[in-house]
């Protein structure tokens, strides 16, 4: 399953940005309390205000959380 499908299944709106060497998927959770992300194998575990989202990602993808904005970066 691709990242977009996984995000949509969990009710999350995503934006996709394509660059020469990578693709970025971005989800804005807004400024809600604590928001964290950690990559474990091929899953990004996102916790926002106590709610957990498990997102399938490509092996080696980078995940970042900054001010409630999740970015999943996949190298081409």
PDB file of N, CA and C in Angstrom:
ATOM      1  N   UNK A   1       0.855  -1.175   0.000  1.00  0.00           N
ATOM      2  CA  UNK A   1       0.000   0.000   0.000  1.00  0.00           C
ATOM      3  C   UNK A   1       0.900   1.237   0.000  1.00  0.00           C
ATOM      4  N   UNK A   2       0.509   2.285  -0.722  1.00  0.00           N
ATOM      5  CA  UNK A   2       1.344   3.475  -0.764  1.00  0.00           C
ATOM      6  C   UNK A   2       1.010   4.425   0.390  1.00  0.00           C
ATOM      7  N   UNK A   3       1.882   5.390   0.590  1.00  0.00           N
ATOM      8  CA  UNK A   3       1.745   6.321   1.709  1.00  0.00           C
ATOM      9  C   UNK A   3       0.437   7.102   1.624  1.00  0.00           C
ATOM     10  N   UNK A   4       0.086   7.605   0.440  1.00  0.00           N
ATOM     11  CA  UNK A   4      -1.165   8.363   0.285  1.00  0.00           C
ATOM     12  C   UNK A   4      -2.371   7.548   0.724  1.00  0.00           C
ATOM     13  N   UNK A   5      -2.438   6.280   0.318  1.00  0.00           N
ATOM     14  CA  UNK A   5      -3.565   5.419   0.680  1.00  0.00           C
ATOM     15  C   UNK A   5      -3.630   5.216   2.182  1.00  0.00           C
ATOM     16  N   UNK A   6      -2.475   4.970   2.797  1.00  0.00           N
ATOM     17  CA  UNK A   6      -2.431   4.765   4.244  1.00  0.00           C
ATOM     18  C   UNK A   6      -2.914   6.004   4.984  1.00  0.00           C
ATOM     19  N   UNK A   7      -2.484   7.175   4.541  1.00  0.00           N
ATOM     20  CA  UNK A   7      -2.907   8.419   5.188  1.00  0.00           C
ATOM     21  C   UNK A   7      -4.399   8.653   5.019  1.00  0.00           C
ATOM     22  N   UNK A   8      -4.922   8.428   3.799  1.00  0.00           N
ATOM     23  CA  UNK A   8      -6.357   8.612   3.547  1.00  0.00           C
ATOM     24  C   UNK A   8      -7.195   7.652   4.380  1.00  0.00           C
ATOM     25  N   UNK A   9      -6.751   6.401   4.507  1.00  0.00           N
ATOM     26  CA  UNK A   9      -7.487   5.423   5.318  1.00  0.00           C
ATOM     27  C   UNK A   9      -7.662   5.888   6.756  1.00  0.00           C
ATOM     28  N   UNK A  10      -6.686   6.650   7.240  1.00  0.00           N
ATOM     29  CA  UNK A  10      -6.735   7.118   8.626  1.00  0.00           C
ATOM     30  C   UNK A  10      -7.374   8.503   8.733  1.00  0.00           C
ATOM     31  N   UNK A  11      -7.958   8.975   7.620  1.00  0.00           N
ATOM     32  CA  UNK A  11      -8.674  10.244   7.634  1.00  0.00           C
ATOM     33  C   UNK A  11      -7.769  11.460   7.631  1.00  0.00           C
ATOM     34  N   UNK A  12      -6.536  11.305   7.154  1.00  0.00           N
ATOM     35  CA  UNK A  12      -5.588  12.409   7.144  1.00  0.00           C
ATOM     36  C   UNK A  12      -5.427  12.966   5.736  1.00  0.00           C
ATOM     37  N   UNK A  13      -5.523  14.289   5.622  1.00  0.00           N
ATOM     38  CA  UNK A  13      -5.292  14.938   4.336  1.00  0.00           C
ATOM     39  C   UNK A  13      -3.798  15.103   4.133  1.00  0.00           C
ATOM     40  N   UNK A  14      -3.354  14.838   2.924  1.00  0.00           N
ATOM     41  CA  UNK A  14      -1.932  14.925   2.642  1.00  0.00           C
ATOM     42  C   UNK A  14      -1.687  15.757   1.398  1.00  0.00           C
ATOM     43  N   UNK A  15      -0.509  16.338   1.356  1.00  0.00           N
ATOM     44  CA  UNK A  15      -0.048  17.037   0.150  1.00  0.00           C
ATOM     45  C   UNK A  15       1.202  16.314  -0.305  1.00  0.00           C
ATOM     46  N   UNK A  16       1.374  16.233  -1.602  1.00  0.00           N
ATOM     47  CA  UNK A  16       2.520  15.533  -2.179  1.00  0.00           C
ATOM     48  C   UNK A  16       3.343  16.536  -2.989  1.00  0.00           C
ATOM     49  N   UNK A  17       4.648  16.554  -2.731  1.00  0.00           N
ATOM     50  CA  UNK A  17       5.563  17.443  -3.438  1.00  0.00           C
ATOM     51  C   UNK A  17       6.636  16.598  -4.108  1.00  0.00           C
ATOM     52  N   UNK A  18       6.806  16.779  -5.407  1.00  0.00           N
ATOM     53  CA  UNK A  18       7.793  16.019  -6.175  1.00  0.00           C
ATOM     54  C   UNK A  18       8.995  16.903  -6.494  1.00  0.00           C
ATOM     55  N   UNK A  19      10.180  16.387  -6.218  1.00  0.00           N
ATOM     56  CA  UNK A  19      11.430  17.056  -6.531  1.00  0.00           C
ATOM     57  C   UNK A  19      12.270  16.113  -7.376  1.00  0.00           C
ATOM     58  N   UNK A  20      13.389  16.589  -7.902  1.00  0.00           N
ATOM     59  CA  UNK A  20      14.236  15.752  -8.752  1.00  0.00           C
ATOM     60  C   UNK A  20      14.700  14.481  -8.051  1.00  0.00           C
ATOM     61  N   UNK A  21      15.070  14.594  -6.782  1.00  0.00           N
ATOM     62  CA  UNK A  21      15.684  13.472  -6.074  1.00  0.00           C
ATOM     63  C   UNK A  21      14.835  12.872  -4.958  1.00  0.00           C
ATOM     64  N   UNK A  22      13.634  13.433  -4.734  1.00  0.00           N
ATOM     65  CA  UNK A  22      12.808  12.929  -3.632  1.00  0.00           C
ATOM     66  C   UNK A  22      11.344  13.327  -3.824  1.00  0.00           C
ATOM     67  N   UNK A  23      10.497  12.640  -3.084  1.00  0.00           N
ATOM     68  CA  UNK A  23       9.083  12.984  -2.991  1.00  0.00           C
ATOM     69  C   UNK A  23       8.774  13.196  -1.516  1.00  0.00           C
ATOM     70  N   UNK A  24       8.030  14.247  -1.208  1.00  0.00           N
ATOM     71  CA  UNK A  24       7.652  14.524   0.168  1.00  0.00           C
ATOM     72  C   UNK A  24       6.135  14.462   0.309  1.00  0.00           C
ATOM     73  N   UNK A  25       5.698  13.811   1.377  1.00  0.00           N
ATOM     74  CA  UNK A  25       4.282  13.747   1.742  1.00  0.00           C
ATOM     75  C   UNK A  25       4.147  14.551   3.037  1.00  0.00           C
ATOM     76  N   UNK A  26       3.216  15.500   3.059  1.00  0.00           N
ATOM     77  CA  UNK A  26       3.098  16.417   4.189  1.00  0.00           C
ATOM     78  C   UNK A  26       1.676  16.375   4.743  1.00  0.00           C
ATOM     79  N   UNK A  27       1.584  16.265   6.077  1.00  0.00           N
ATOM     80  CA  UNK A  27       0.296  16.280   6.772  1.00  0.00           C
ATOM     81  C   UNK A  27       0.373  17.347   7.852  1.00  0.00           C
ATOM     82  N   UNK A  28      -0.571  18.282   7.856  1.00  0.00           N
ATOM     83  CA  UNK A  28      -0.611  19.333   8.864  1.00  0.00           C
ATOM     84  C   UNK A  28      -1.628  18.958   9.932  1.00  0.00           C
ATOM     85  N   UNK A  29      -1.117  18.632  11.123  1.00  0.00           N
ATOM     86  CA  UNK A  29      -1.989  18.293  12.242  1.00  0.00           C
ATOM     87  C   UNK A  29      -2.416  19.544  13.008  1.00  0.00           C
ATOM     88  N   UNK A  30      -1.856  20.693  12.655  1.00  0.00           N
ATOM     89  CA  UNK A  30      -2.157  21.925  13.364  1.00  0.00           C
ATOM     90  C   UNK A  30      -1.381  22.002  14.666  1.00  0.00           C
ATOM     91  N   UNK A  31      -1.535  23.095  15.344  1.00  0.00           N
ATOM     92  CA  UNK A  31      -0.825  23.295  16.606  1.00  0.00           C
ATOM     93  C   UNK A  31      -1.643  22.723  17.751  1.00  0.00           C
ATOM     94  N   UNK A  32      -1.562  21.432  17.907  1.00  0.00           N
ATOM     95  CA  UNK A  32      -2.289  20.750  18.975  1.00  0.00           C
ATOM     96  C   UNK A  32      -1.280  20.122  19.919  1.00  0.00           C
ATOM     97  N   UNK A  33      -1.179  20.567  21.109  1.00  0.00           N
ATOM     98  CA  UNK A  33      -0.369  19.919  22.141  1.00  0.00           C
ATOM     99  C   UNK A  33       0.876  19.237  21.623  1.00  0.00           C
ATOM    100  N   UNK A  34       1.088  18.040  22.113  1.00  0.00           N
ATOM    101  CA  UNK A  34       2.275  17.276  21.744  1.00  0.00           C
ATOM    102  C   UNK A  34       2.043  16.496  20.459  1.00  0.00           C
ATOM    103  N   UNK A  35       3.023  16.541  19.580  1.00  0.00           N
ATOM    104  CA  UNK A  35       2.994  15.760  18.346  1.00  0.00           C
ATOM    105  C   UNK A  35       4.390  15.185  18.146  1.00  0.00           C
ATOM    106  N   UNK A  36       4.471  13.854  18.016  1.00  0.00           N
ATOM    107  CA  UNK A  36       5.766  13.202  17.829  1.00  0.00           C
ATOM    108  C   UNK A  36       5.661  12.173  16.716  1.00  0.00           C
ATOM    109  N   UNK A  37       6.817  11.831  16.146  1.00  0.00           N
ATOM    110  CA  UNK A  37       6.882  10.798  15.124  1.00  0.00           C
ATOM    111  C   UNK A  37       8.171  10.013  15.317  1.00  0.00           C
ATOM    112  N   UNK A  38       8.090   8.725  15.051  1.00  0.00           N
ATOM    113  CA  UNK A  38       9.268   7.871  15.079  1.00  0.00           C
ATOM    114  C   UNK A  38       9.111   6.797  14.011  1.00  0.00           C
ATOM    115  N   UNK A  39      10.179   6.568  13.258  1.00  0.00           N
ATOM    116  CA  UNK A  39      10.172   5.520  12.240  1.00  0.00           C
ATOM    117  C   UNK A  39      10.697   4.234  12.864  1.00  0.00           C
ATOM    118  N   UNK A  40       9.918   3.162  12.692  1.00  0.00           N
ATOM    119  CA  UNK A  40      10.316   1.842  13.160  1.00  0.00           C
ATOM    120  C   UNK A  40      10.160   0.899  11.969  1.00  0.00           C
ATOM    121  N   UNK A  41      11.284   0.561  11.334  1.00  0.00           N
ATOM    122  CA  UNK A  41      11.228  -0.280  10.138  1.00  0.00           C
ATOM    123  C   UNK A  41      10.489   0.424   9.028  1.00  0.00           C
ATOM    124  N   UNK A  42       9.400  -0.181   8.568  1.00  0.00           N
ATOM    125  CA  UNK A  42       8.628   0.413   7.477  1.00  0.00           C
ATOM    126  C   UNK A  42       7.326   1.046   7.971  1.00  0.00           C
ATOM    127  N   UNK A  43       7.326   1.498   9.234  1.00  0.00           N
ATOM    128  CA  UNK A  43       6.158   2.154   9.818  1.00  0.00           C
ATOM    129  C   UNK A  43       6.579   3.447  10.510  1.00  0.00           C
ATOM    130  N   UNK A  44       5.850   4.515  10.245  1.00  0.00           N
ATOM    131  CA  UNK A  44       6.017   5.757  11.002  1.00  0.00           C
ATOM    132  C   UNK A  44       4.916   5.773  12.049  1.00  0.00           C
ATOM    133  N   UNK A  45       5.309   5.909  13.303  1.00  0.00           N
ATOM    134  CA  UNK A  45       4.351   5.958  14.396  1.00  0.00           C
ATOM    135  C   UNK A  45       4.213   7.421  14.803  1.00  0.00           C
ATOM    136  N   UNK A  46       3.026   7.964  14.584  1.00  0.00           N
ATOM    137  CA  UNK A  46       2.752   9.365  14.873  1.00  0.00           C
ATOM    138  C   UNK A  46       1.781   9.414  16.047  1.00  0.00           C
ATOM    139  N   UNK A  47       2.107  10.233  17.042  1.00  0.00           N
ATOM    140  CA  UNK A  47       1.206  10.422  18.179  1.00  0.00           C
ATOM    141  C   UNK A  47       0.908  11.906  18.292  1.00  0.00           C
ATOM    142  N   UNK A  48      -0.380  12.237  18.205  1.00  0.00           N
ATOM    143  CA  UNK A  48      -0.843  13.621  18.302  1.00  0.00           C
ATOM    144  C   UNK A  48      -1.954  13.663  19.340  1.00  0.00           C
ATOM    145  N   UNK A  49      -1.735  14.423  20.394  1.00  0.00           N
ATOM    146  CA  UNK A  49      -2.724  14.554  21.475  1.00  0.00           C
ATOM    147  C   UNK A  49      -3.238  13.202  21.956  1.00  0.00           C
ATOM    148  N   UNK A  50      -2.343  12.253  22.106  1.00  0.00           N
ATOM    149  CA  UNK A  50      -2.703  10.945  22.638  1.00  0.00           C
ATOM    150  C   UNK A  50      -3.274   9.973  21.632  1.00  0.00           C
ATOM    151  N   UNK A  51      -3.516  10.407  20.397  1.00  0.00           N
ATOM    152  CA  UNK A  51      -4.035   9.510  19.354  1.00  0.00           C
ATOM    153  C   UNK A  51      -2.872   9.026  18.496  1.00  0.00           C
ATOM    154  N   UNK A  52      -2.847   7.717  18.251  1.00  0.00           N
ATOM    155  CA  UNK A  52      -1.747   7.124  17.492  1.00  0.00           C
ATOM    156  C   UNK A  52      -2.170   6.807  16.063  1.00  0.00           C
ATOM    157  N   UNK A  53      -1.283   7.140  15.122  1.00  0.00           N
ATOM    158  CA  UNK A  53      -1.463   6.819  13.708  1.00  0.00           C
ATOM    159  C   UNK A  53      -0.265   5.979  13.281  1.00  0.00           C
ATOM    160  N   UNK A  54      -0.515   4.825  12.694  1.00  0.00           N
ATOM    161  CA  UNK A  54       0.542   3.982  12.141  1.00  0.00           C
ATOM    162  C   UNK A  54       0.504   4.133  10.630  1.00  0.00           C
ATOM    163  N   UNK A  55       1.601   4.626  10.055  1.00  0.00           N
ATOM    164  CA  UNK A  55       1.647   4.934   8.632  1.00  0.00           C
ATOM    165  C   UNK A  55       2.711   4.075   7.970  1.00  0.00           C
ATOM    166  N   UNK A  56       2.295   3.290   6.972  1.00  0.00           N
ATOM    167  CA  UNK A  56       3.245   2.484   6.211  1.00  0.00           C
ATOM    168  C   UNK A  56       4.131   3.408   5.389  1.00  0.00           C
ATOM    169  N   UNK A  57       5.450   3.230   5.503  1.00  0.00           N
ATOM    170  CA  UNK A  57       6.396   4.034   4.736  1.00  0.00           C
ATOM    171  C   UNK A  57       7.379   3.106   4.045  1.00  0.00           C
ATOM    172  N   UNK A  58       8.061   3.641   3.038  1.00  0.00           N
ATOM    173  CA  UNK A  58       9.102   2.873   2.370  1.00  0.00           C
ATOM    174  C   UNK A  58      10.290   2.722   3.316  1.00  0.00           C
ATOM    175  N   UNK A  59      10.944   1.572   3.261  1.00  0.00           N
ATOM    176  CA  UNK A  59      12.151   1.355   4.046  1.00  0.00           C
ATOM    177  C   UNK A  59      13.155   2.448   3.692  1.00  0.00           C
ATOM    178  N   UNK A  60      13.729   3.088   4.682  1.00  0.00           N
ATOM    179  CA  UNK A  60      14.704   4.141   4.449  1.00  0.00           C
ATOM    180  C   UNK A  60      14.112   5.535   4.319  1.00  0.00           C
ATOM    181  N   UNK A  61      12.790   5.657   4.352  1.00  0.00           N
ATOM    182  CA  UNK A  61      12.175   6.985   4.290  1.00  0.00           C
ATOM    183  C   UNK A  61      12.524   7.760   5.554  1.00  0.00           C
ATOM    184  N   UNK A  62      12.631   9.060   5.421  1.00  0.00           N
ATOM    185  CA  UNK A  62      12.890   9.935   6.558  1.00  0.00           C
ATOM    186  C   UNK A  62      11.576  10.556   6.999  1.00  0.00           C
ATOM    187  N   UNK A  63      11.371  10.650   8.312  1.00  0.00           N
ATOM    188  CA  UNK A  63      10.157  11.274   8.840  1.00  0.00           C
ATOM    189  C   UNK A  63      10.546  12.388   9.798  1.00  0.00           C
ATOM    190  N   UNK A  64       9.802  13.492   9.724  1.00  0.00           N
ATOM    191  CA  UNK A  64      10.067  14.666  10.553  1.00  0.00           C
ATOM    192  C   UNK A  64       8.747  15.223  11.062  1.00  0.00           C
ATOM    193  N   UNK A  65       8.779  15.796  12.250  1.00  0.00           N
ATOM    194  CA  UNK A  65       7.609  16.496  12.786  1.00  0.00           C
ATOM    195  C   UNK A  65       8.106  17.855  13.264  1.00  0.00           C
ATOM    196  N   UNK A  66       7.490  18.934  12.766  1.00  0.00           N
ATOM    197  CA  UNK A  66       7.884  20.279  13.157  1.00  0.00           C
ATOM    198  C   UNK A  66       6.632  21.139  13.266  1.00  0.00           C
ATOM    199  N   UNK A  67       6.348  21.639  14.455  1.00  0.00           N
ATOM    200  CA  UNK A  67       5.181  22.497  14.696  1.00  0.00           C
ATOM    201  C   UNK A  67       3.884  21.860  14.207  1.00  0.00           C
ATOM    202  N   UNK A  68       3.721  20.576  14.448  1.00  0.00           N
ATOM    203  CA  UNK A  68       2.492  19.888  14.072  1.00  0.00           C
ATOM    204  C   UNK A  68       2.402  19.489  12.618  1.00  0.00           C
ATOM    205  N   UNK A  69       3.495  19.658  11.857  1.00  0.00           N
ATOM    206  CA  UNK A  69       3.506  19.275  10.450  1.00  0.00           C
ATOM    207  C   UNK A  69       4.406  18.052  10.276  1.00  0.00           C
ATOM    208  N   UNK A  70       3.806  16.969   9.810  1.00  0.00           N
ATOM    209  CA  UNK A  70       4.529  15.730   9.547  1.00  0.00           C
ATOM    210  C   UNK A  70       5.022  15.742   8.102  1.00  0.00           C
ATOM    211  N   UNK A  71       6.302  15.413   7.906  1.00  0.00           N
ATOM    212  CA  UNK A  71       6.865  15.274   6.570  1.00  0.00           C
ATOM    213  C   UNK A  71       7.476  13.890   6.449  1.00  0.00           C
ATOM    214  N   UNK A  72       7.084  13.170   5.395  1.00  0.00           N
ATOM    215  CA  UNK A  72       7.685  11.870   5.067  1.00  0.00           C
ATOM    216  C   UNK A  72       8.428  12.079   3.759  1.00  0.00           C
ATOM    217  N   UNK A  73       9.749  11.891   3.798  1.00  0.00           N
ATOM    218  CA  UNK A  73      10.598  12.131   2.632  1.00  0.00           C
ATOM    219  C   UNK A  73      11.099  10.800   2.068  1.00  0.00           C
ATOM    220  N   UNK A  74      10.796  10.558   0.793  1.00  0.00           N
ATOM    221  CA  UNK A  74      11.194   9.316   0.130  1.00  0.00           C
ATOM    222  C   UNK A  74      12.169   9.668  -0.985  1.00  0.00           C
ATOM    223  N   UNK A  75      13.365   9.127  -0.911  1.00  0.00           N
ATOM    224  CA  UNK A  75      14.387   9.376  -1.942  1.00  0.00           C
ATOM    225  C   UNK A  75      14.104   8.523  -3.167  1.00  0.00           C
ATOM    226  N   UNK A  76      14.321   9.099  -4.337  1.00  0.00           N
ATOM    227  CA  UNK A  76      14.089   8.379  -5.614  1.00  0.00           C
ATOM    228  C   UNK A  76      15.303   7.567  -5.964  1.00  0.00           C
TER     229      UNK A  76
END
